[in-house]
Structures are given as C-alpha cells and as structure tokens.
Amino acid sequence: MDTPVIQKNIYEVHGRKIMLDRDLAKLYEVPTKSLNLAVKRNMDRFPSDFMFQLTREELSVLRFHFETSKRIVLLW
C-alpha cells in the first residue's frame, strides 16, 4: 500500500486519527480476524487506548459510507 492509499484509509473518530482493522489487516497482508486475535492476545504490548469499538451512532455513520460487517473494531 502506498502513502496516498494509507492516507485515504485514515479517519477521524473521537477526535483521533484511526484506521479500521480491515485496512490495517490489508496493509499487513493478514486476515482481519488474525490481526484482531493477535492484538487481543498481546494487549499488554499496546497502549490502553490502542483499540476501541464504535458507538451505535458512529457505526451507523460509517455503515452509510462503507459496506461493513455488523461489528467494527478500530485500531489507531
């Protein structure tokens, strides 16, 4: 993934710049499920606010813009 592609996959939520787990997984060429599992198994290696889930309202806004699954986990 080149820099412009990465930059277009950065969003602002909660006043922070974030990337969706699916975009990070694509960047690292791993399945999204594997990325999330690796993060959950190694939470002590990440800042406490590294990963969060969207509120229902935020999810609705993103669903409007993207075709996504029912559950989105965000990493930044």
PDB file of N, CA and C in Angstrom:
ATOM      1  N   MET A   1       0.850  -1.175   0.000  1.00  0.00           N
ATOM      2  CA  MET A   1       0.000   0.000   0.000  1.00  0.00           C
ATOM      3  C   MET A   1       0.896   1.240   0.000  1.00  0.00           C
ATOM      4  N   ASP A   2       0.634   2.158  -0.896  1.00  0.00           N
ATOM      5  CA  ASP A   2       1.452   3.366  -0.917  1.00  0.00           C
ATOM      6  C   ASP A   2       0.855   4.441  -0.015  1.00  0.00           C
ATOM      7  N   THR A   3       1.603   5.492   0.199  1.00  0.00           N
ATOM      8  CA  THR A   3       1.217   6.540   1.148  1.00  0.00           C
ATOM      9  C   THR A   3      -0.156   7.151   0.863  1.00  0.00           C
ATOM     10  N   PRO A   4      -0.499   7.525  -0.375  1.00  0.00           N
ATOM     11  CA  PRO A   4      -1.840   8.085  -0.607  1.00  0.00           C
ATOM     12  C   PRO A   4      -2.959   7.106  -0.260  1.00  0.00           C
ATOM     13  N   VAL A   5      -2.746   5.820  -0.517  1.00  0.00           N
ATOM     14  CA  VAL A   5      -3.760   4.814  -0.183  1.00  0.00           C
ATOM     15  C   VAL A   5      -3.908   4.712   1.331  1.00  0.00           C
ATOM     16  N   ILE A   6      -2.805   4.722   2.045  1.00  0.00           N
ATOM     17  CA  ILE A   6      -2.856   4.677   3.509  1.00  0.00           C
ATOM     18  C   ILE A   6      -3.561   5.921   4.041  1.00  0.00           C
ATOM     19  N   GLN A   7      -3.214   7.081   3.512  1.00  0.00           N
ATOM     20  CA  GLN A   7      -3.812   8.325   3.989  1.00  0.00           C
ATOM     21  C   GLN A   7      -5.319   8.362   3.777  1.00  0.00           C
ATOM     22  N   LYS A   8      -5.812   7.791   2.688  1.00  0.00           N
ATOM     23  CA  LYS A   8      -7.257   7.805   2.470  1.00  0.00           C
ATOM     24  C   LYS A   8      -7.982   6.806   3.370  1.00  0.00           C
ATOM     25  N   ASN A   9      -7.227   5.932   4.032  1.00  0.00           N
ATOM     26  CA  ASN A   9      -7.799   4.970   4.970  1.00  0.00           C
ATOM     27  C   ASN A   9      -7.691   5.437   6.422  1.00  0.00           C
ATOM     28  N   ILE A  10      -7.322   6.683   6.630  1.00  0.00           N
ATOM     29  CA  ILE A  10      -7.250   7.258   7.972  1.00  0.00           C
ATOM     30  C   ILE A  10      -8.474   8.140   8.171  1.00  0.00           C
ATOM     31  N   TYR A  11      -9.193   7.887   9.253  1.00  0.00           N
ATOM     32  CA  TYR A  11     -10.426   8.613   9.565  1.00  0.00           C
ATOM     33  C   TYR A  11     -10.281   9.289  10.917  1.00  0.00           C
ATOM     34  N   GLU A  12     -11.130  10.247  11.182  1.00  0.00           N
ATOM     35  CA  GLU A  12     -11.115  10.886  12.495  1.00  0.00           C
ATOM     36  C   GLU A  12     -12.368  10.471  13.264  1.00  0.00           C
ATOM     37  N   VAL A  13     -12.150   9.868  14.414  1.00  0.00           N
ATOM     38  CA  VAL A  13     -13.221   9.432  15.310  1.00  0.00           C
ATOM     39  C   VAL A  13     -12.772   9.753  16.724  1.00  0.00           C
ATOM     40  N   HIS A  14     -13.666  10.278  17.534  1.00  0.00           N
ATOM     41  CA  HIS A  14     -13.332  10.650  18.915  1.00  0.00           C
ATOM     42  C   HIS A  14     -12.193  11.662  18.943  1.00  0.00           C
ATOM     43  N   GLY A  15     -12.075  12.444  17.889  1.00  0.00           N
ATOM     44  CA  GLY A  15     -11.016  13.439  17.827  1.00  0.00           C
ATOM     45  C   GLY A  15      -9.637  12.862  17.588  1.00  0.00           C
ATOM     46  N   ARG A  16      -9.586  11.589  17.197  1.00  0.00           N
ATOM     47  CA  ARG A  16      -8.308  10.922  16.942  1.00  0.00           C
ATOM     48  C   ARG A  16      -8.286  10.362  15.538  1.00  0.00           C
ATOM     49  N   LYS A  17      -7.115  10.295  14.976  1.00  0.00           N
ATOM     50  CA  LYS A  17      -6.957   9.684  13.663  1.00  0.00           C
ATOM     51  C   LYS A  17      -6.843   8.177  13.864  1.00  0.00           C
ATOM     52  N   ILE A  18      -7.662   7.444  13.116  1.00  0.00           N
ATOM     53  CA  ILE A  18      -7.724   5.997  13.284  1.00  0.00           C
ATOM     54  C   ILE A  18      -7.707   5.305  11.920  1.00  0.00           C
ATOM     55  N   MET A  19      -7.484   3.998  11.964  1.00  0.00           N
ATOM     56  CA  MET A  19      -7.653   3.140  10.795  1.00  0.00           C
ATOM     57  C   MET A  19      -8.533   1.975  11.201  1.00  0.00           C
ATOM     58  N   LEU A  20      -9.352   1.520  10.276  1.00  0.00           N
ATOM     59  CA  LEU A  20     -10.174   0.354  10.532  1.00  0.00           C
ATOM     60  C   LEU A  20      -9.303  -0.896  10.556  1.00  0.00           C
ATOM     61  N   ASP A  21      -9.722  -1.856  11.359  1.00  0.00           N
ATOM     62  CA  ASP A  21      -8.956  -3.097  11.449  1.00  0.00           C
ATOM     63  C   ASP A  21      -8.795  -3.759  10.088  1.00  0.00           C
ATOM     64  N   ARG A  22      -9.818  -3.699   9.259  1.00  0.00           N
ATOM     65  CA  ARG A  22      -9.723  -4.344   7.944  1.00  0.00           C
ATOM     66  C   ARG A  22      -8.664  -3.674   7.076  1.00  0.00           C
ATOM     67  N   ASP A  23      -8.502  -2.350   7.205  1.00  0.00           N
ATOM     68  CA  ASP A  23      -7.486  -1.648   6.422  1.00  0.00           C
ATOM     69  C   ASP A  23      -6.081  -1.961   6.925  1.00  0.00           C
ATOM     70  N   LEU A  24      -5.929  -2.075   8.237  1.00  0.00           N
ATOM     71  CA  LEU A  24      -4.627  -2.456   8.795  1.00  0.00           C
ATOM     72  C   LEU A  24      -4.268  -3.885   8.398  1.00  0.00           C
ATOM     73  N   ALA A  25      -5.254  -4.770   8.429  1.00  0.00           N
ATOM     74  CA  ALA A  25      -5.010  -6.157   8.037  1.00  0.00           C
ATOM     75  C   ALA A  25      -4.558  -6.229   6.578  1.00  0.00           C
ATOM     76  N   LYS A  26      -5.207  -5.443   5.743  1.00  0.00           N
ATOM     77  CA  LYS A  26      -4.816  -5.406   4.331  1.00  0.00           C
ATOM     78  C   LYS A  26      -3.390  -4.879   4.185  1.00  0.00           C
ATOM     79  N   LEU A  27      -3.060  -3.850   4.944  1.00  0.00           N
ATOM     80  CA  LEU A  27      -1.715  -3.275   4.916  1.00  0.00           C
ATOM     81  C   LEU A  27      -0.658  -4.323   5.278  1.00  0.00           C
ATOM     82  N   TYR A  28      -0.962  -5.147   6.295  1.00  0.00           N
ATOM     83  CA  TYR A  28      -0.017  -6.170   6.755  1.00  0.00           C
ATOM     84  C   TYR A  28      -0.221  -7.516   6.068  1.00  0.00           C
ATOM     85  N   GLU A  29      -1.184  -7.556   5.138  1.00  0.00           N
ATOM     86  CA  GLU A  29      -1.448  -8.764   4.352  1.00  0.00           C
ATOM     87  C   GLU A  29      -1.780  -9.969   5.226  1.00  0.00           C
ATOM     88  N   VAL A  30      -2.677  -9.744   6.184  1.00  0.00           N
ATOM     89  CA  VAL A  30      -3.174 -10.821   7.049  1.00  0.00           C
ATOM     90  C   VAL A  30      -4.696 -10.716   7.111  1.00  0.00           C
ATOM     91  N   PRO A  31      -5.376 -11.812   7.438  1.00  0.00           N
ATOM     92  CA  PRO A  31      -6.827 -11.723   7.612  1.00  0.00           C
ATOM     93  C   PRO A  31      -7.173 -10.818   8.797  1.00  0.00           C
ATOM     94  N   THR A  32      -8.265 -10.090   8.690  1.00  0.00           N
ATOM     95  CA  THR A  32      -8.698  -9.191   9.763  1.00  0.00           C
ATOM     96  C   THR A  32      -8.853  -9.944  11.081  1.00  0.00           C
ATOM     97  N   LYS A  33      -9.443 -11.119  11.014  1.00  0.00           N
ATOM     98  CA  LYS A  33      -9.643 -11.931  12.219  1.00  0.00           C
ATOM     99  C   LYS A  33      -8.305 -12.240  12.897  1.00  0.00           C
ATOM    100  N   SER A  34      -7.284 -12.544  12.114  1.00  0.00           N
ATOM    101  CA  SER A  34      -5.957 -12.843  12.673  1.00  0.00           C
ATOM    102  C   SER A  34      -5.338 -11.613  13.329  1.00  0.00           C
ATOM    103  N   LEU A  35      -5.497 -10.456  12.689  1.00  0.00           N
ATOM    104  CA  LEU A  35      -4.970  -9.216  13.266  1.00  0.00           C
ATOM    105  C   LEU A  35      -5.617  -8.934  14.617  1.00  0.00           C
ATOM    106  N   ASN A  36      -6.954  -9.016  14.673  1.00  0.00           N
ATOM    107  CA  ASN A  36      -7.661  -8.748  15.925  1.00  0.00           C
ATOM    108  C   ASN A  36      -7.283  -9.748  17.006  1.00  0.00           C
ATOM    109  N   LEU A  37      -7.144 -11.000  16.640  1.00  0.00           N
ATOM    110  CA  LEU A  37      -6.763 -12.027  17.610  1.00  0.00           C
ATOM    111  C   LEU A  37      -5.357 -11.764  18.148  1.00  0.00           C
ATOM    112  N   ALA A  38      -4.437 -11.406  17.266  1.00  0.00           N
ATOM    113  CA  ALA A  38      -3.062 -11.116  17.699  1.00  0.00           C
ATOM    114  C   ALA A  38      -3.030  -9.935  18.659  1.00  0.00           C
ATOM    115  N   VAL A  39      -3.805  -8.901  18.368  1.00  0.00           N
ATOM    116  CA  VAL A  39      -3.848  -7.733  19.254  1.00  0.00           C
ATOM    117  C   VAL A  39      -4.435  -8.125  20.603  1.00  0.00           C
ATOM    118  N   LYS A  40      -5.545  -8.853  20.596  1.00  0.00           N
ATOM    119  CA  LYS A  40      -6.183  -9.252  21.857  1.00  0.00           C
ATOM    120  C   LYS A  40      -5.279 -10.134  22.703  1.00  0.00           C
ATOM    121  N   ARG A  41      -4.503 -10.993  22.059  1.00  0.00           N
ATOM    122  CA  ARG A  41      -3.592 -11.889  22.796  1.00  0.00           C
ATOM    123  C   ARG A  41      -2.377 -11.149  23.341  1.00  0.00           C
ATOM    124  N   ASN A  42      -2.106  -9.975  22.817  1.00  0.00           N
ATOM    125  CA  ASN A  42      -0.912  -9.222  23.209  1.00  0.00           C
ATOM    126  C   ASN A  42      -1.246  -7.813  23.670  1.00  0.00           C
ATOM    127  N   MET A  43      -2.383  -7.636  24.328  1.00  0.00           N
ATOM    128  CA  MET A  43      -2.830  -6.305  24.742  1.00  0.00           C
ATOM    129  C   MET A  43      -1.811  -5.576  25.613  1.00  0.00           C
ATOM    130  N   ASP A  44      -1.005  -6.313  26.349  1.00  0.00           N
ATOM    131  CA  ASP A  44      -0.005  -5.668  27.208  1.00  0.00           C
ATOM    132  C   ASP A  44       1.086  -4.969  26.400  1.00  0.00           C
ATOM    133  N   ARG A  45       1.167  -5.223  25.127  1.00  0.00           N
ATOM    134  CA  ARG A  45       2.171  -4.585  24.264  1.00  0.00           C
ATOM    135  C   ARG A  45       1.660  -3.294  23.616  1.00  0.00           C
ATOM    136  N   PHE A  46       0.376  -2.985  23.818  1.00  0.00           N
ATOM    137  CA  PHE A  46      -0.238  -1.833  23.189  1.00  0.00           C
ATOM    138  C   PHE A  46      -0.716  -0.837  24.234  1.00  0.00           C
ATOM    139  N   PRO A  47      -0.800   0.449  23.865  1.00  0.00           N
ATOM    140  CA  PRO A  47      -1.380   1.436  24.785  1.00  0.00           C
ATOM    141  C   PRO A  47      -2.831   1.056  25.090  1.00  0.00           C
ATOM    142  N   SER A  48      -3.341   1.464  26.235  1.00  0.00           N
ATOM    143  CA  SER A  48      -4.694   1.089  26.646  1.00  0.00           C
ATOM    144  C   SER A  48      -5.768   1.585  25.687  1.00  0.00           C
ATOM    145  N   ASP A  49      -5.483   2.657  24.962  1.00  0.00           N
ATOM    146  CA  ASP A  49      -6.472   3.191  24.028  1.00  0.00           C
ATOM    147  C   ASP A  49      -6.166   2.837  22.567  1.00  0.00           C
ATOM    148  N   PHE A  50      -5.387   1.796  22.370  1.00  0.00           N
ATOM    149  CA  PHE A  50      -4.997   1.392  21.023  1.00  0.00           C
ATOM    150  C   PHE A  50      -6.187   0.896  20.209  1.00  0.00           C
ATOM    151  N   MET A  51      -7.132   0.257  20.874  1.00  0.00           N
ATOM    152  CA  MET A  51      -8.250  -0.364  20.185  1.00  0.00           C
ATOM    153  C   MET A  51      -9.543   0.003  20.894  1.00  0.00           C
ATOM    154  N   PHE A  52     -10.581   0.321  20.123  1.00  0.00           N
ATOM    155  CA  PHE A  52     -11.879   0.602  20.722  1.00  0.00           C
ATOM    156  C   PHE A  52     -12.984   0.266  19.736  1.00  0.00           C
ATOM    157  N   GLN A  53     -14.199   0.140  20.255  1.00  0.00           N
ATOM    158  CA  GLN A  53     -15.346  -0.117  19.401  1.00  0.00           C
ATOM    159  C   GLN A  53     -16.152   1.154  19.250  1.00  0.00           C
ATOM    160  N   LEU A  54     -16.795   1.275  18.118  1.00  0.00           N
ATOM    161  CA  LEU A  54     -17.627   2.437  17.848  1.00  0.00           C
ATOM    162  C   LEU A  54     -18.941   2.375  18.609  1.00  0.00           C
ATOM    163  N   THR A  55     -19.508   3.544  18.870  1.00  0.00           N
ATOM    164  CA  THR A  55     -20.866   3.600  19.406  1.00  0.00           C
ATOM    165  C   THR A  55     -21.820   3.242  18.270  1.00  0.00           C
ATOM    166  N   ARG A  56     -23.075   2.998  18.594  1.00  0.00           N
ATOM    167  CA  ARG A  56     -24.066   2.678  17.558  1.00  0.00           C
ATOM    168  C   ARG A  56     -24.207   3.816  16.552  1.00  0.00           C
ATOM    169  N   GLU A  57     -24.160   5.038  17.047  1.00  0.00           N
ATOM    170  CA  GLU A  57     -24.279   6.193  16.153  1.00  0.00           C
ATOM    171  C   GLU A  57     -23.095   6.275  15.194  1.00  0.00           C
ATOM    172  N   GLU A  58     -21.894   6.093  15.718  1.00  0.00           N
ATOM    173  CA  GLU A  58     -20.700   6.134  14.872  1.00  0.00           C
ATOM    174  C   GLU A  58     -20.731   5.008  13.846  1.00  0.00           C
ATOM    175  N   LEU A  59     -21.166   3.847  14.279  1.00  0.00           N
ATOM    176  CA  LEU A  59     -21.272   2.712  13.375  1.00  0.00           C
ATOM    177  C   LEU A  59     -22.254   2.998  12.246  1.00  0.00           C
ATOM    178  N   SER A  60     -23.367   3.620  12.580  1.00  0.00           N
ATOM    179  CA  SER A  60     -24.358   3.974  11.556  1.00  0.00           C
ATOM    180  C   SER A  60     -23.772   4.922  10.524  1.00  0.00           C
ATOM    181  N   VAL A  61     -23.013   5.894  10.980  1.00  0.00           N
ATOM    182  CA  VAL A  61     -22.389   6.845  10.055  1.00  0.00           C
ATOM    183  C   VAL A  61     -21.409   6.126   9.129  1.00  0.00           C
ATOM    184  N   LEU A  62     -20.576   5.259   9.702  1.00  0.00           N
ATOM    185  CA  LEU A  62     -19.616   4.540   8.864  1.00  0.00           C
ATOM    186  C   LEU A  62     -20.307   3.565   7.921  1.00  0.00           C
ATOM    187  N   ARG A  63     -21.346   2.906   8.385  1.00  0.00           N
ATOM    188  CA  ARG A  63     -22.073   1.973   7.510  1.00  0.00           C
ATOM    189  C   ARG A  63     -22.662   2.698   6.317  1.00  0.00           C
ATOM    190  N   PHE A  64     -23.045   3.921   6.537  1.00  0.00           N
ATOM    191  CA  PHE A  64     -23.567   4.724   5.433  1.00  0.00           C
ATOM    192  C   PHE A  64     -22.506   4.880   4.341  1.00  0.00           C
ATOM    193  N   HIS A  65     -21.259   4.997   4.739  1.00  0.00           N
ATOM    194  CA  HIS A  65     -20.166   5.226   3.796  1.00  0.00           C
ATOM    195  C   HIS A  65     -19.501   3.942   3.303  1.00  0.00           C
ATOM    196  N   PHE A  66     -19.578   2.886   4.081  1.00  0.00           N
ATOM    197  CA  PHE A  66     -18.866   1.646   3.750  1.00  0.00           C
ATOM    198  C   PHE A  66     -19.791   0.448   3.884  1.00  0.00           C
ATOM    199  N   GLU A  67     -19.493  -0.574   3.127  1.00  0.00           N
ATOM    200  CA  GLU A  67     -20.172  -1.842   3.345  1.00  0.00           C
ATOM    201  C   GLU A  67     -19.306  -2.609   4.334  1.00  0.00           C
ATOM    202  N   THR A  68     -19.842  -2.802   5.535  1.00  0.00           N
ATOM    203  CA  THR A  68     -19.054  -3.426   6.586  1.00  0.00           C
ATOM    204  C   THR A  68     -19.849  -4.513   7.273  1.00  0.00           C
ATOM    205  N   SER A  69     -19.169  -5.249   8.104  1.00  0.00           N
ATOM    206  CA  SER A  69     -19.840  -6.237   8.919  1.00  0.00           C
ATOM    207  C   SER A  69     -20.568  -5.531  10.055  1.00  0.00           C
ATOM    208  N   LYS A  70     -21.312  -6.276  10.848  1.00  0.00           N
ATOM    209  CA  LYS A  70     -22.085  -5.682  11.943  1.00  0.00           C
ATOM    210  C   LYS A  70     -21.189  -5.161  13.047  1.00  0.00           C
ATOM    211  N   ARG A  71     -19.992  -5.686  13.180  1.00  0.00           N
ATOM    212  CA  ARG A  71     -19.095  -5.295  14.267  1.00  0.00           C
ATOM    213  C   ARG A  71     -17.808  -4.759  13.676  1.00  0.00           C
ATOM    214  N   ILE A  72     -17.416  -3.569  14.060  1.00  0.00           N
ATOM    215  CA  ILE A  72     -16.177  -2.970  13.590  1.00  0.00           C
ATOM    216  C   ILE A  72     -15.311  -2.667  14.797  1.00  0.00           C
ATOM    217  N   VAL A  73     -14.079  -3.109  14.732  1.00  0.00           N
ATOM    218  CA  VAL A  73     -13.123  -2.764  15.765  1.00  0.00           C
ATOM    219  C   VAL A  73     -12.125  -1.817  15.120  1.00  0.00           C
ATOM    220  N   LEU A  74     -11.794  -0.765  15.804  1.00  0.00           N
ATOM    221  CA  LEU A  74     -10.866   0.212  15.255  1.00  0.00           C
ATOM    222  C   LEU A  74      -9.544   0.173  15.953  1.00  0.00           C
ATOM    223  N   LEU A  75      -8.502   0.338  15.196  1.00  0.00           N
ATOM    224  CA  LEU A  75      -7.143   0.421  15.725  1.00  0.00           C
ATOM    225  C   LEU A  75      -6.552   1.729  15.222  1.00  0.00           C
ATOM    226  N   TRP A  76      -5.744   2.359  16.021  1.00  0.00           N
ATOM    227  CA  TRP A  76      -5.096   3.574  15.549  1.00  0.00           C
ATOM    228  C   TRP A  76      -3.664   3.599  15.991  1.00  0.00           C
TER     229      TRP A  76
END
